Protein backbone atom coordinates (compact mmCIF):
# COMPACT_ATOMS: atom_id res chain seq x y z
CA UNK A 1 6.47 -13.77 20.11
CA UNK A 2 2.71 -14.38 18.59
CA UNK A 3 2.00 -15.25 14.66
CA UNK A 4 -1.08 -16.34 12.81
CA UNK A 5 -0.21 -18.98 9.30
CA UNK A 6 -1.52 -17.60 6.09
CA UNK A 7 -3.00 -19.75 3.42
CA UNK A 8 -4.75 -18.81 0.17
CA UNK A 9 -8.05 -19.97 -1.43
CA UNK A 10 -7.05 -23.71 -2.29
CA UNK A 11 -8.74 -23.30 -5.46
CA UNK A 12 -6.17 -20.86 -7.33
CA UNK A 13 -3.04 -22.33 -5.66
CA UNK A 14 -1.52 -19.16 -6.09
CA UNK A 15 1.04 -18.36 -3.94
CA UNK A 16 -0.37 -15.28 -1.06
CA UNK A 17 1.85 -12.23 -2.89
CA UNK A 18 0.92 -12.71 -6.42
CA UNK A 19 -2.39 -12.77 -5.32
CA UNK A 20 -1.73 -8.78 -4.80
CA UNK A 21 -0.78 -8.62 -8.60
CA UNK A 22 -3.66 -10.81 -9.98
CA UNK A 23 -6.91 -9.09 -7.77
CA UNK A 24 -8.73 -5.19 -8.30
CA UNK A 25 -8.24 -6.07 -4.54
CA UNK A 26 -7.13 -8.39 -2.18
CA UNK A 27 -10.19 -9.71 0.07
CA UNK A 28 -8.83 -11.27 3.21
CA UNK A 29 -10.28 -13.29 6.21
CA UNK A 30 -8.59 -11.70 9.36
CA UNK A 31 -7.10 -13.83 12.59
CA UNK A 32 -9.57 -14.37 15.05
CA UNK A 33 -8.69 -15.93 18.30
CA UNK A 34 -11.29 -18.89 18.68
CA UNK A 35 -13.16 -18.35 15.47
CA UNK A 36 -10.04 -18.51 12.25
CA UNK A 37 -10.45 -22.91 12.52
CA UNK A 38 -9.57 -24.60 9.54
CA UNK A 39 -14.04 -25.33 9.17
CA UNK A 40 -14.80 -21.93 9.08
CA UNK A 41 -11.87 -20.66 6.88
CA UNK A 42 -12.92 -23.25 4.27
CA UNK A 43 -16.40 -21.93 4.64
CA UNK A 44 -15.16 -18.46 3.73
CA UNK A 45 -13.04 -19.65 0.58
CA UNK A 46 -16.10 -20.64 -0.46
CA UNK A 47 -17.36 -17.25 -0.72
CA UNK A 48 -14.69 -15.14 -2.59
CA UNK A 49 -12.20 -15.00 0.14
CA UNK A 50 -8.71 -14.89 -1.30
CA UNK A 51 -6.71 -15.34 1.75
CA UNK A 52 -7.23 -16.71 5.16
CA UNK A 53 -5.47 -16.30 8.71
CA UNK A 54 -5.48 -18.70 11.35
CA UNK A 55 -5.84 -17.70 14.85
CA UNK A 56 -2.85 -16.02 17.08
CA UNK A 57 -0.42 -18.76 18.10
CA UNK A 58 1.79 -17.96 20.64
CA UNK A 59 5.16 -19.36 19.59
CA UNK A 60 6.01 -20.81 22.64
CA UNK A 61 3.26 -23.02 22.81
CA UNK A 62 3.40 -23.85 19.41
CA UNK A 63 6.99 -25.31 20.51
CA UNK A 64 6.24 -27.55 23.70
CA UNK A 65 2.70 -28.49 22.92
CA UNK A 66 1.22 -31.19 20.43
CA UNK A 67 -2.25 -30.68 21.03
CA UNK A 68 -1.39 -26.50 19.78
CA UNK A 69 0.28 -27.22 17.36
CA UNK A 70 -3.00 -29.70 16.21
CA UNK A 71 -5.75 -27.30 16.98
CA UNK A 72 -4.49 -24.39 15.61
CA UNK A 73 -1.79 -25.54 12.40
CA UNK A 74 -4.14 -27.37 9.95
CA UNK A 75 -3.35 -24.87 7.24
CA UNK A 76 -1.51 -25.13 3.76
CA UNK A 77 2.66 -23.90 4.05
CA UNK A 78 2.16 -20.27 2.49
CA UNK A 79 3.34 -18.03 4.65
CA UNK A 80 3.76 -16.73 8.09
CA UNK A 81 2.71 -13.22 9.78
CA UNK A 82 4.26 -11.69 12.73
CA UNK A 83 1.29 -10.36 15.00
CA UNK A 84 1.80 -6.54 16.13
CA UNK A 85 -1.43 -5.53 16.45
CA UNK A 86 -2.71 -7.59 19.29
CA UNK A 87 -4.16 -4.74 21.88
CA UNK A 88 -5.05 -7.34 24.13
CA UNK A 89 -3.80 -6.77 27.69
CA UNK A 90 -2.44 -10.44 28.28
CA UNK A 91 -0.36 -9.95 24.93
CA UNK A 92 1.04 -6.32 26.06
CA UNK A 93 1.95 -7.57 28.80
CA UNK A 94 4.34 -10.63 28.01
CA UNK A 95 5.74 -7.84 25.56
CA UNK A 96 3.95 -8.66 22.36
CA UNK A 97 1.03 -7.73 20.01
CA UNK A 98 0.55 -4.21 19.96
CA UNK A 99 3.53 -2.96 21.97
CA UNK A 100 5.83 -4.21 19.44
CA UNK A 101 4.95 -1.43 17.11
CA UNK A 102 7.01 0.74 19.61
CA UNK A 103 10.00 -1.58 18.79
CA UNK A 104 10.60 -1.18 15.02
CA UNK A 105 14.23 -2.09 15.18
CA UNK A 106 12.74 -5.42 17.10
CA UNK A 107 10.22 -5.94 14.37
CA UNK A 108 12.85 -5.05 11.36
CA UNK A 109 14.71 -7.85 13.07
CA UNK A 110 11.95 -10.61 13.92
CA UNK A 111 11.08 -9.94 10.01
CA UNK A 112 15.12 -10.65 8.82
CA UNK A 113 15.75 -13.45 10.76
CA UNK A 114 12.29 -15.48 9.52
CA UNK A 115 13.27 -14.93 5.85
CA UNK A 116 16.86 -16.00 7.44
CA UNK A 117 15.25 -19.18 8.13
CA UNK A 118 12.98 -20.30 5.43
CA UNK A 119 14.93 -20.52 1.87
CA UNK A 120 12.13 -20.95 0.05
CA UNK A 121 11.94 -17.02 -0.86
CA UNK A 122 8.32 -17.63 -2.13
CA UNK A 123 7.20 -17.97 0.95
CA UNK A 124 5.43 -15.25 2.36
CA UNK A 125 6.34 -12.80 6.10
CA UNK A 126 3.81 -10.43 6.38
CA UNK A 127 2.86 -8.11 9.91
CA UNK A 128 -0.56 -6.89 11.04
CA UNK A 129 -0.11 -3.02 13.16
CA UNK A 130 -2.08 -0.86 14.57
CA UNK A 131 -0.77 3.36 14.40
CA UNK A 132 0.96 5.22 16.05
CA UNK A 133 -0.89 8.64 17.35
CA UNK A 134 2.70 10.16 15.92
CA UNK A 135 2.07 8.41 12.52
CA UNK A 136 5.49 9.29 11.30
CA UNK A 137 6.58 6.72 13.93
CA UNK A 138 3.92 4.06 12.37
CA UNK A 139 5.78 5.28 8.64
CA UNK A 140 9.42 4.76 10.15
CA UNK A 141 8.17 1.17 11.41
CA UNK A 142 6.80 0.14 8.19
CA UNK A 143 9.99 1.42 6.27
CA UNK A 144 12.28 -0.57 8.52
CA UNK A 145 9.54 -3.61 8.18
CA UNK A 146 10.20 -2.60 4.35
CA UNK A 147 13.81 -2.87 4.47
CA UNK A 148 14.29 -6.56 6.08
CA UNK A 149 11.95 -8.13 3.14
CA UNK A 150 8.24 -8.15 4.92
CA UNK A 151 5.74 -8.67 1.73
CA UNK A 152 2.93 -7.18 3.24
CA UNK A 153 1.78 -4.75 5.97
CA UNK A 154 -1.99 -5.02 7.41
CA UNK A 155 -2.96 -1.74 9.19
CA UNK A 156 -5.68 -1.48 11.57
CA UNK A 157 -6.42 2.12 11.34
CA UNK A 158 -6.50 2.42 15.16
CA UNK A 159 -3.98 2.74 18.06
CA UNK A 160 -3.57 0.83 20.91
CA UNK A 161 -5.90 2.25 22.96
CA UNK A 162 -8.99 2.58 20.78
CA UNK A 163 -11.42 0.23 20.32
CA UNK A 164 -14.59 1.41 19.17
CA UNK A 165 -13.51 4.72 18.04
CA UNK A 166 -14.12 5.48 14.42
CA UNK A 167 -10.89 4.13 11.94
CA UNK A 168 -8.70 6.59 10.59
CA UNK A 169 -8.30 5.49 7.05
CA UNK A 170 -6.71 8.56 5.96
CA UNK A 171 -3.44 7.30 8.06
CA UNK A 172 -3.97 4.10 6.66
CA UNK A 173 -3.74 6.04 2.99
CA UNK A 174 -0.68 8.23 3.85
CA UNK A 175 1.16 4.34 5.13
CA UNK A 176 0.40 3.31 2.00
CA UNK A 177 1.64 6.53 0.14
CA UNK A 178 4.69 5.84 1.92
CA UNK A 179 5.52 2.51 1.42
CA UNK A 180 6.47 0.22 -2.28
CA UNK A 181 5.21 -3.06 -0.82
CA UNK A 182 1.50 -3.97 -0.67
CA UNK A 183 -0.83 -2.99 2.20
CA UNK A 184 -3.84 -3.96 3.46
CA UNK A 185 -6.33 -1.49 5.08
CA UNK A 186 -8.27 -3.14 8.45
CA UNK A 187 -11.41 -2.27 10.52
CA UNK A 188 -15.27 -1.52 10.85
CA UNK A 189 -15.44 -3.57 7.55
CA UNK A 190 -19.79 -4.86 7.42
CA UNK A 191 -19.99 -5.42 4.02
CA UNK A 192 -18.63 -5.84 0.43
CA UNK A 193 -19.35 -2.19 -0.93
CA UNK A 194 -17.46 -1.30 2.25
CA UNK A 195 -14.62 -3.04 1.46
CA UNK A 196 -14.92 -1.65 -1.69
CA UNK A 197 -15.13 1.93 -0.93
CA UNK A 198 -12.11 1.52 1.70
CA UNK A 199 -9.92 0.01 -1.07
CA UNK A 200 -10.92 3.39 -2.94
CA UNK A 201 -10.07 5.72 0.16
CA UNK A 202 -6.89 4.22 1.19
CA UNK A 203 -5.75 3.07 -2.70
CA UNK A 204 -4.41 0.08 -0.42
CA UNK A 205 -4.02 -3.46 -2.43
CA UNK A 206 -6.26 -5.23 0.42
CA UNK A 207 -9.18 -5.20 2.88
CA UNK A 208 -8.56 -7.49 5.87
CA UNK A 209 -12.46 -8.04 7.77
CA UNK A 210 -12.91 -9.96 10.63
CA UNK A 211 -16.42 -9.28 12.91
CA UNK A 212 -18.06 -8.71 9.03
CA UNK A 213 -17.38 -12.20 8.31
CA UNK A 214 -18.51 -13.98 11.09
CA UNK A 215 -21.94 -11.82 10.89
CA UNK A 216 -22.01 -12.46 6.64
CA UNK A 217 -19.60 -15.95 5.37
CA UNK A 218 -20.55 -14.67 2.39
CA UNK A 219 -19.97 -10.97 2.62
CA UNK A 220 -17.03 -10.78 0.35
CA UNK A 221 -19.68 -12.99 -2.56
CA UNK A 222 -21.76 -9.95 -2.38
CA UNK A 223 -24.78 -10.85 -0.30
CA UNK A 224 -25.87 -8.98 2.35
CA UNK A 225 -26.68 -11.51 5.09
CA UNK A 226 -25.76 -14.83 5.36
CA UNK A 227 -27.72 -16.84 2.75
CA UNK A 228 -29.52 -20.02 3.65
CA UNK A 229 -26.98 -21.88 1.55
CA UNK A 230 -23.86 -20.77 3.49
CA UNK A 231 -25.77 -21.78 6.75
CA UNK A 232 -26.30 -25.35 5.01
CA UNK A 233 -22.44 -25.37 3.67
CA UNK A 234 -21.62 -24.52 7.72
CA UNK A 235 -23.37 -27.29 8.83
CA UNK A 236 -21.47 -29.62 6.40
CA UNK A 237 -18.29 -28.19 6.55
CA UNK A 238 -18.43 -28.16 10.72
CA UNK A 239 -19.76 -31.62 10.22
CA UNK A 240 -17.29 -32.93 8.40
CA UNK A 241 -14.41 -31.54 10.15
CA UNK A 242 -15.68 -32.63 13.57
CA UNK A 243 -15.82 -29.05 14.92
CA UNK A 244 -16.72 -28.84 18.64
CA UNK A 245 -20.32 -27.98 19.39
CA UNK A 246 -19.63 -24.73 21.01
CA UNK A 247 -17.87 -23.56 18.17
CA UNK A 248 -20.44 -24.59 15.26
CA UNK A 249 -22.78 -23.41 17.71
CA UNK A 250 -21.24 -19.62 17.63
CA UNK A 251 -20.60 -19.47 14.48
CA UNK A 252 -24.81 -19.99 13.38
CA UNK A 253 -25.44 -17.33 16.46
CA UNK A 254 -23.22 -14.80 14.36
CA UNK A 255 -24.07 -16.16 10.75
CA UNK A 256 -28.15 -16.26 11.30
CA UNK A 257 -28.28 -12.46 14.03
CA UNK A 258 -29.61 -10.59 11.04
CA UNK A 259 -32.01 -13.39 10.07
CA UNK A 260 -33.80 -14.42 13.11
CA UNK A 261 -36.33 -12.45 14.88
CA UNK A 262 -35.79 -11.85 18.90
CA UNK A 263 -37.54 -14.77 20.32
CA UNK A 264 -35.87 -17.13 17.51
CA UNK A 265 -32.87 -15.93 19.01
CA UNK A 266 -34.09 -16.30 22.18
CA UNK A 267 -34.86 -20.33 21.44
CA UNK A 268 -31.62 -21.20 19.09
CA UNK A 269 -28.76 -19.41 21.36
CA UNK A 270 -29.86 -21.84 24.39
CA UNK A 271 -30.04 -25.06 22.19
CA UNK A 272 -27.07 -27.77 23.81
CA UNK A 273 -26.35 -30.20 21.66
CA UNK A 274 -25.41 -30.55 17.77
CA UNK A 275 -29.17 -32.76 17.34
CA UNK A 276 -31.15 -30.18 18.95
CA UNK A 277 -29.71 -27.44 16.34
CA UNK A 278 -29.95 -29.47 13.27
CA UNK A 279 -33.56 -30.49 14.20
CA UNK A 280 -33.72 -26.56 14.48
CA UNK A 281 -32.35 -25.61 10.93
CA UNK A 282 -34.53 -28.14 9.50
CA UNK A 283 -37.86 -26.89 11.43
CA UNK A 284 -37.91 -23.60 10.65
CA UNK A 285 -35.65 -22.85 7.51
CA UNK A 286 -35.17 -26.49 5.67
CA UNK A 287 -31.77 -26.92 6.43
């Protein structure tokens, strides 16, 4: 089984489910392998992100490996998400991820099992899914999960085989209309305006963003591109958390994609040490 841990914005200290009753729509940072570490989650929370997910955690590795627990489970104790939406082949081959959408009774049983294991009734148990070609099957899956006590469902509006095809927002809208719990829309959200439009188009209670936040962690605060203040914040947070150089550098490459020239990218992207990156940022941007 793959799951993600969930944490709310620390300054708010709200239960995750409460967010859906206190926001115009909930702004969510998606689980991203290698990128959704604590340092990045701390950064996006400074810029109006309400809810963050850890990277995917493979349950078997989490149980047997202290390193896996220390690496990924740096979070508050707010909730868990059962990842039934990962379309990567290795996950599908192991019988988890998006292939679980074809096993609605199993998903229902997993939700119920987690509910029975956790005494705290405020502990959130959510799922993240993709859609079927036959949307009736997706609605059936969502209703079964709802009956088992799922807190909310995130719907990526593509099927298992689709990668870069247009997102089926109409399908997400139908799922929302046929359920009584919060539904979160996911897929191709690049700006705050995109998120607002998708919220209005689908009637969903939240919008989850992945790559759009990598490119601009300040997106939910209304910035069209990453502001220099956000880059400075990332440097400070990453150094404070002891973020490994590769992760530190890769995040900056994403953040600076829209604000650097092709020639600048050639220089910046091959820098090989934290000190070299810090010198470059200071010399070129005063960061």
